[in-house]
Each structure stands twice: as C-alpha cells, then as structure tokens.
Amino acid sequence: MKKNVGGIDKTLRIVLGLVLLLAGMFAPLGANLRVLALVLSAVALLTGIFGF
C-alpha cells in the first residue's frame, strides 16, 4: 500500500497526538472525553509515525 502522508502532515499529526495524549492524561475531563482524547491521540500518533 502506498503511503499518502507528507512531511508536514506527519509532523502535525504527531504533535496533535502528543497534545491529545497529554490532555487525556492530565486535563480535568469527564470519563467519556478522556477516552475520546486517548483514542484520537492513538490514531493521530500511529498515522503520523507510520504514514498511513
């Protein structure tokens, strides 16, 4: 499968994933928002790291 994520997009996804990860871990959020932030951070980090 061909990778379709460019350099800037890759960097932005990794930064967004880290911000969401920190928000999910340390921000005073409800349980549902915490889970949502952690799931979105995982998706952003994985797509940023692997380029898909």
PDB file of N, CA and C in Angstrom:
ATOM      1  N   MET A   1       0.842  -1.174   0.000  1.00  0.00           N
ATOM      2  CA  MET A   1       0.000   0.000   0.000  1.00  0.00           C
ATOM      3  C   MET A   1       0.891   1.243   0.000  1.00  0.00           C
ATOM      4  N   LYS A   2       0.503   2.204  -0.789  1.00  0.00           N
ATOM      5  CA  LYS A   2       1.282   3.433  -0.909  1.00  0.00           C
ATOM      6  C   LYS A   2       0.982   4.377   0.254  1.00  0.00           C
ATOM      7  N   LYS A   3       2.042   4.953   0.826  1.00  0.00           N
ATOM      8  CA  LYS A   3       1.869   5.918   1.908  1.00  0.00           C
ATOM      9  C   LYS A   3       1.377   7.234   1.328  1.00  0.00           C
ATOM     10  N   ASN A   4       0.451   7.898   2.038  1.00  0.00           N
ATOM     11  CA  ASN A   4      -0.139   9.108   1.498  1.00  0.00           C
ATOM     12  C   ASN A   4      -0.053  10.293   2.467  1.00  0.00           C
ATOM     13  N   VAL A   5       0.913  10.277   3.377  1.00  0.00           N
ATOM     14  CA  VAL A   5       1.061  11.359   4.342  1.00  0.00           C
ATOM     15  C   VAL A   5       2.393  12.042   4.089  1.00  0.00           C
ATOM     16  N   GLY A   6       2.349  13.361   3.850  1.00  0.00           N
ATOM     17  CA  GLY A   6       3.567  14.117   3.598  1.00  0.00           C
ATOM     18  C   GLY A   6       4.291  14.478   4.876  1.00  0.00           C
ATOM     19  N   GLY A   7       5.406  15.180   4.750  1.00  0.00           N
ATOM     20  CA  GLY A   7       6.245  15.530   5.884  1.00  0.00           C
ATOM     21  C   GLY A   7       5.585  16.466   6.874  1.00  0.00           C
ATOM     22  N   ILE A   8       4.954  17.521   6.375  1.00  0.00           N
ATOM     23  CA  ILE A   8       4.311  18.475   7.277  1.00  0.00           C
ATOM     24  C   ILE A   8       3.108  17.823   7.949  1.00  0.00           C
ATOM     25  N   ASP A   9       2.338  17.080   7.192  1.00  0.00           N
ATOM     26  CA  ASP A   9       1.174  16.400   7.746  1.00  0.00           C
ATOM     27  C   ASP A   9       1.596  15.401   8.821  1.00  0.00           C
ATOM     28  N   LYS A  10       2.684  14.705   8.579  1.00  0.00           N
ATOM     29  CA  LYS A  10       3.200  13.733   9.533  1.00  0.00           C
ATOM     30  C   LYS A  10       3.575  14.414  10.850  1.00  0.00           C
ATOM     31  N   THR A  11       4.265  15.541  10.752  1.00  0.00           N
ATOM     32  CA  THR A  11       4.677  16.281  11.933  1.00  0.00           C
ATOM     33  C   THR A  11       3.469  16.812  12.703  1.00  0.00           C
ATOM     34  N   LEU A  12       2.495  17.358  11.983  1.00  0.00           N
ATOM     35  CA  LEU A  12       1.300  17.880  12.638  1.00  0.00           C
ATOM     36  C   LEU A  12       0.511  16.781  13.343  1.00  0.00           C
ATOM     37  N   ARG A  13       0.422  15.613  12.734  1.00  0.00           N
ATOM     38  CA  ARG A  13      -0.291  14.505  13.362  1.00  0.00           C
ATOM     39  C   ARG A  13       0.408  14.046  14.635  1.00  0.00           C
ATOM     40  N   ILE A  14       1.728  14.004  14.622  1.00  0.00           N
ATOM     41  CA  ILE A  14       2.464  13.597  15.810  1.00  0.00           C
ATOM     42  C   ILE A  14       2.295  14.621  16.925  1.00  0.00           C
ATOM     43  N   VAL A  15       2.389  15.908  16.590  1.00  0.00           N
ATOM     44  CA  VAL A  15       2.208  16.955  17.598  1.00  0.00           C
ATOM     45  C   VAL A  15       0.776  16.918  18.148  1.00  0.00           C
ATOM     46  N   LEU A  16      -0.215  16.795  17.278  1.00  0.00           N
ATOM     47  CA  LEU A  16      -1.601  16.712  17.719  1.00  0.00           C
ATOM     48  C   LEU A  16      -1.812  15.482  18.601  1.00  0.00           C
ATOM     49  N   GLY A  17      -1.215  14.370  18.221  1.00  0.00           N
ATOM     50  CA  GLY A  17      -1.329  13.158  19.026  1.00  0.00           C
ATOM     51  C   GLY A  17      -0.734  13.323  20.407  1.00  0.00           C
ATOM     52  N   LEU A  18       0.402  14.006  20.499  1.00  0.00           N
ATOM     53  CA  LEU A  18       1.015  14.236  21.806  1.00  0.00           C
ATOM     54  C   LEU A  18       0.182  15.181  22.659  1.00  0.00           C
ATOM     55  N   VAL A  19      -0.365  16.217  22.039  1.00  0.00           N
ATOM     56  CA  VAL A  19      -1.218  17.160  22.781  1.00  0.00           C
ATOM     57  C   VAL A  19      -2.463  16.442  23.298  1.00  0.00           C
ATOM     58  N   LEU A  20      -3.097  15.639  22.459  1.00  0.00           N
ATOM     59  CA  LEU A  20      -4.282  14.904  22.898  1.00  0.00           C
ATOM     60  C   LEU A  20      -3.942  13.877  23.968  1.00  0.00           C
ATOM     61  N   LEU A  21      -2.783  13.260  23.864  1.00  0.00           N
ATOM     62  CA  LEU A  21      -2.359  12.298  24.873  1.00  0.00           C
ATOM     63  C   LEU A  21      -2.184  12.973  26.225  1.00  0.00           C
ATOM     64  N   LEU A  22      -1.518  14.116  26.228  1.00  0.00           N
ATOM     65  CA  LEU A  22      -1.339  14.852  27.477  1.00  0.00           C
ATOM     66  C   LEU A  22      -2.669  15.351  28.029  1.00  0.00           C
ATOM     67  N   ALA A  23      -3.551  15.811  27.151  1.00  0.00           N
ATOM     68  CA  ALA A  23      -4.866  16.261  27.594  1.00  0.00           C
ATOM     69  C   ALA A  23      -5.660  15.101  28.180  1.00  0.00           C
ATOM     70  N   GLY A  24      -5.588  13.962  27.545  1.00  0.00           N
ATOM     71  CA  GLY A  24      -6.307  12.795  28.037  1.00  0.00           C
ATOM     72  C   GLY A  24      -5.783  12.282  29.355  1.00  0.00           C
ATOM     73  N   MET A  25      -4.507  12.506  29.613  1.00  0.00           N
ATOM     74  CA  MET A  25      -3.922  12.013  30.847  1.00  0.00           C
ATOM     75  C   MET A  25      -4.026  13.012  31.994  1.00  0.00           C
ATOM     76  N   PHE A  26      -3.881  14.299  31.716  1.00  0.00           N
ATOM     77  CA  PHE A  26      -3.733  15.266  32.792  1.00  0.00           C
ATOM     78  C   PHE A  26      -4.834  16.322  32.886  1.00  0.00           C
ATOM     79  N   ALA A  27      -5.603  16.537  31.842  1.00  0.00           N
ATOM     80  CA  ALA A  27      -6.640  17.574  31.878  1.00  0.00           C
ATOM     81  C   ALA A  27      -7.839  17.075  32.685  1.00  0.00           C
ATOM     82  N   PRO A  28      -8.521  17.986  33.369  1.00  0.00           N
ATOM     83  CA  PRO A  28      -9.698  17.581  34.144  1.00  0.00           C
ATOM     84  C   PRO A  28     -10.913  17.376  33.233  1.00  0.00           C
ATOM     85  N   LEU A  29     -10.969  16.219  32.605  1.00  0.00           N
ATOM     86  CA  LEU A  29     -12.041  15.886  31.676  1.00  0.00           C
ATOM     87  C   LEU A  29     -12.926  14.811  32.285  1.00  0.00           C
ATOM     88  N   GLY A  30     -14.126  14.703  31.761  1.00  0.00           N
ATOM     89  CA  GLY A  30     -15.004  13.602  32.144  1.00  0.00           C
ATOM     90  C   GLY A  30     -14.474  12.303  31.553  1.00  0.00           C
ATOM     91  N   ALA A  31     -15.022  11.204  31.999  1.00  0.00           N
ATOM     92  CA  ALA A  31     -14.540   9.896  31.557  1.00  0.00           C
ATOM     93  C   ALA A  31     -14.685   9.713  30.048  1.00  0.00           C
ATOM     94  N   ASN A  32     -15.813  10.131  29.489  1.00  0.00           N
ATOM     95  CA  ASN A  32     -16.044   9.959  28.051  1.00  0.00           C
ATOM     96  C   ASN A  32     -15.066  10.794  27.227  1.00  0.00           C
ATOM     97  N   LEU A  33     -14.841  12.040  27.626  1.00  0.00           N
ATOM     98  CA  LEU A  33     -13.910  12.899  26.886  1.00  0.00           C
ATOM     99  C   LEU A  33     -12.474  12.402  27.028  1.00  0.00           C
ATOM    100  N   ARG A  34     -12.147  11.860  28.189  1.00  0.00           N
ATOM    101  CA  ARG A  34     -10.801  11.325  28.406  1.00  0.00           C
ATOM    102  C   ARG A  34     -10.537  10.156  27.455  1.00  0.00           C
ATOM    103  N   VAL A  35     -11.499   9.255  27.355  1.00  0.00           N
ATOM    104  CA  VAL A  35     -11.354   8.102  26.455  1.00  0.00           C
ATOM    105  C   VAL A  35     -11.279   8.569  25.010  1.00  0.00           C
ATOM    106  N   LEU A  36     -12.117   9.518  24.639  1.00  0.00           N
ATOM    107  CA  LEU A  36     -12.100  10.049  23.281  1.00  0.00           C
ATOM    108  C   LEU A  36     -10.748  10.681  22.951  1.00  0.00           C
ATOM    109  N   ALA A  37     -10.215  11.469  23.871  1.00  0.00           N
ATOM    110  CA  ALA A  37      -8.918  12.112  23.644  1.00  0.00           C
ATOM    111  C   ALA A  37      -7.816  11.068  23.496  1.00  0.00           C
ATOM    112  N   LEU A  38      -7.857  10.021  24.298  1.00  0.00           N
ATOM    113  CA  LEU A  38      -6.822   8.986  24.217  1.00  0.00           C
ATOM    114  C   LEU A  38      -6.930   8.170  22.931  1.00  0.00           C
ATOM    115  N   VAL A  39      -8.144   7.883  22.497  1.00  0.00           N
ATOM    116  CA  VAL A  39      -8.322   7.137  21.247  1.00  0.00           C
ATOM    117  C   VAL A  39      -7.867   7.983  20.055  1.00  0.00           C
ATOM    118  N   LEU A  40      -8.266   9.249  20.040  1.00  0.00           N
ATOM    119  CA  LEU A  40      -7.852  10.128  18.940  1.00  0.00           C
ATOM    120  C   LEU A  40      -6.338  10.342  18.939  1.00  0.00           C
ATOM    121  N   SER A  41      -5.736  10.404  20.124  1.00  0.00           N
ATOM    122  CA  SER A  41      -4.285  10.560  20.180  1.00  0.00           C
ATOM    123  C   SER A  41      -3.589   9.328  19.620  1.00  0.00           C
ATOM    124  N   ALA A  42      -4.120   8.147  19.911  1.00  0.00           N
ATOM    125  CA  ALA A  42      -3.528   6.920  19.381  1.00  0.00           C
ATOM    126  C   ALA A  42      -3.615   6.885  17.860  1.00  0.00           C
ATOM    127  N   VAL A  43      -4.763   7.262  17.328  1.00  0.00           N
ATOM    128  CA  VAL A  43      -4.935   7.277  15.864  1.00  0.00           C
ATOM    129  C   VAL A  43      -3.984   8.289  15.224  1.00  0.00           C
ATOM    130  N   ALA A  44      -3.924   9.496  15.796  1.00  0.00           N
ATOM    131  CA  ALA A  44      -3.052  10.532  15.232  1.00  0.00           C
ATOM    132  C   ALA A  44      -1.588  10.123  15.305  1.00  0.00           C
ATOM    133  N   LEU A  45      -1.171   9.567  16.439  1.00  0.00           N
ATOM    134  CA  LEU A  45       0.231   9.153  16.576  1.00  0.00           C
ATOM    135  C   LEU A  45       0.582   8.005  15.629  1.00  0.00           C
ATOM    136  N   LEU A  46      -0.277   7.028  15.543  1.00  0.00           N
ATOM    137  CA  LEU A  46       0.020   5.881  14.679  1.00  0.00           C
ATOM    138  C   LEU A  46       0.052   6.279  13.203  1.00  0.00           C
ATOM    139  N   THR A  47      -0.901   7.105  12.771  1.00  0.00           N
ATOM    140  CA  THR A  47      -0.883   7.521  11.368  1.00  0.00           C
ATOM    141  C   THR A  47       0.283   8.459  11.100  1.00  0.00           C
ATOM    142  N   GLY A  48       0.675   9.254  12.095  1.00  0.00           N
ATOM    143  CA  GLY A  48       1.824  10.132  11.914  1.00  0.00           C
ATOM    144  C   GLY A  48       3.130   9.364  11.858  1.00  0.00           C
ATOM    145  N   ILE A  49       3.262   8.355  12.701  1.00  0.00           N
ATOM    146  CA  ILE A  49       4.509   7.594  12.747  1.00  0.00           C
ATOM    147  C   ILE A  49       4.653   6.683  11.533  1.00  0.00           C
ATOM    148  N   PHE A  50       3.565   5.981  11.180  1.00  0.00           N
ATOM    149  CA  PHE A  50       3.653   5.008  10.092  1.00  0.00           C
ATOM    150  C   PHE A  50       3.292   5.580   8.735  1.00  0.00           C
ATOM    151  N   GLY A  51       2.686   6.749   8.676  1.00  0.00           N
ATOM    152  CA  GLY A  51       2.432   7.407   7.403  1.00  0.00           C
ATOM    153  C   GLY A  51       1.208   6.939   6.639  1.00  0.00           C
ATOM    154  N   PHE A  52       0.268   6.281   7.274  1.00  0.00           N
ATOM    155  CA  PHE A  52      -0.948   5.817   6.600  1.00  0.00           C
ATOM    156  C   PHE A  52      -2.147   6.556   7.106  1.00  0.00           C
TER     157      PHE A  52
END
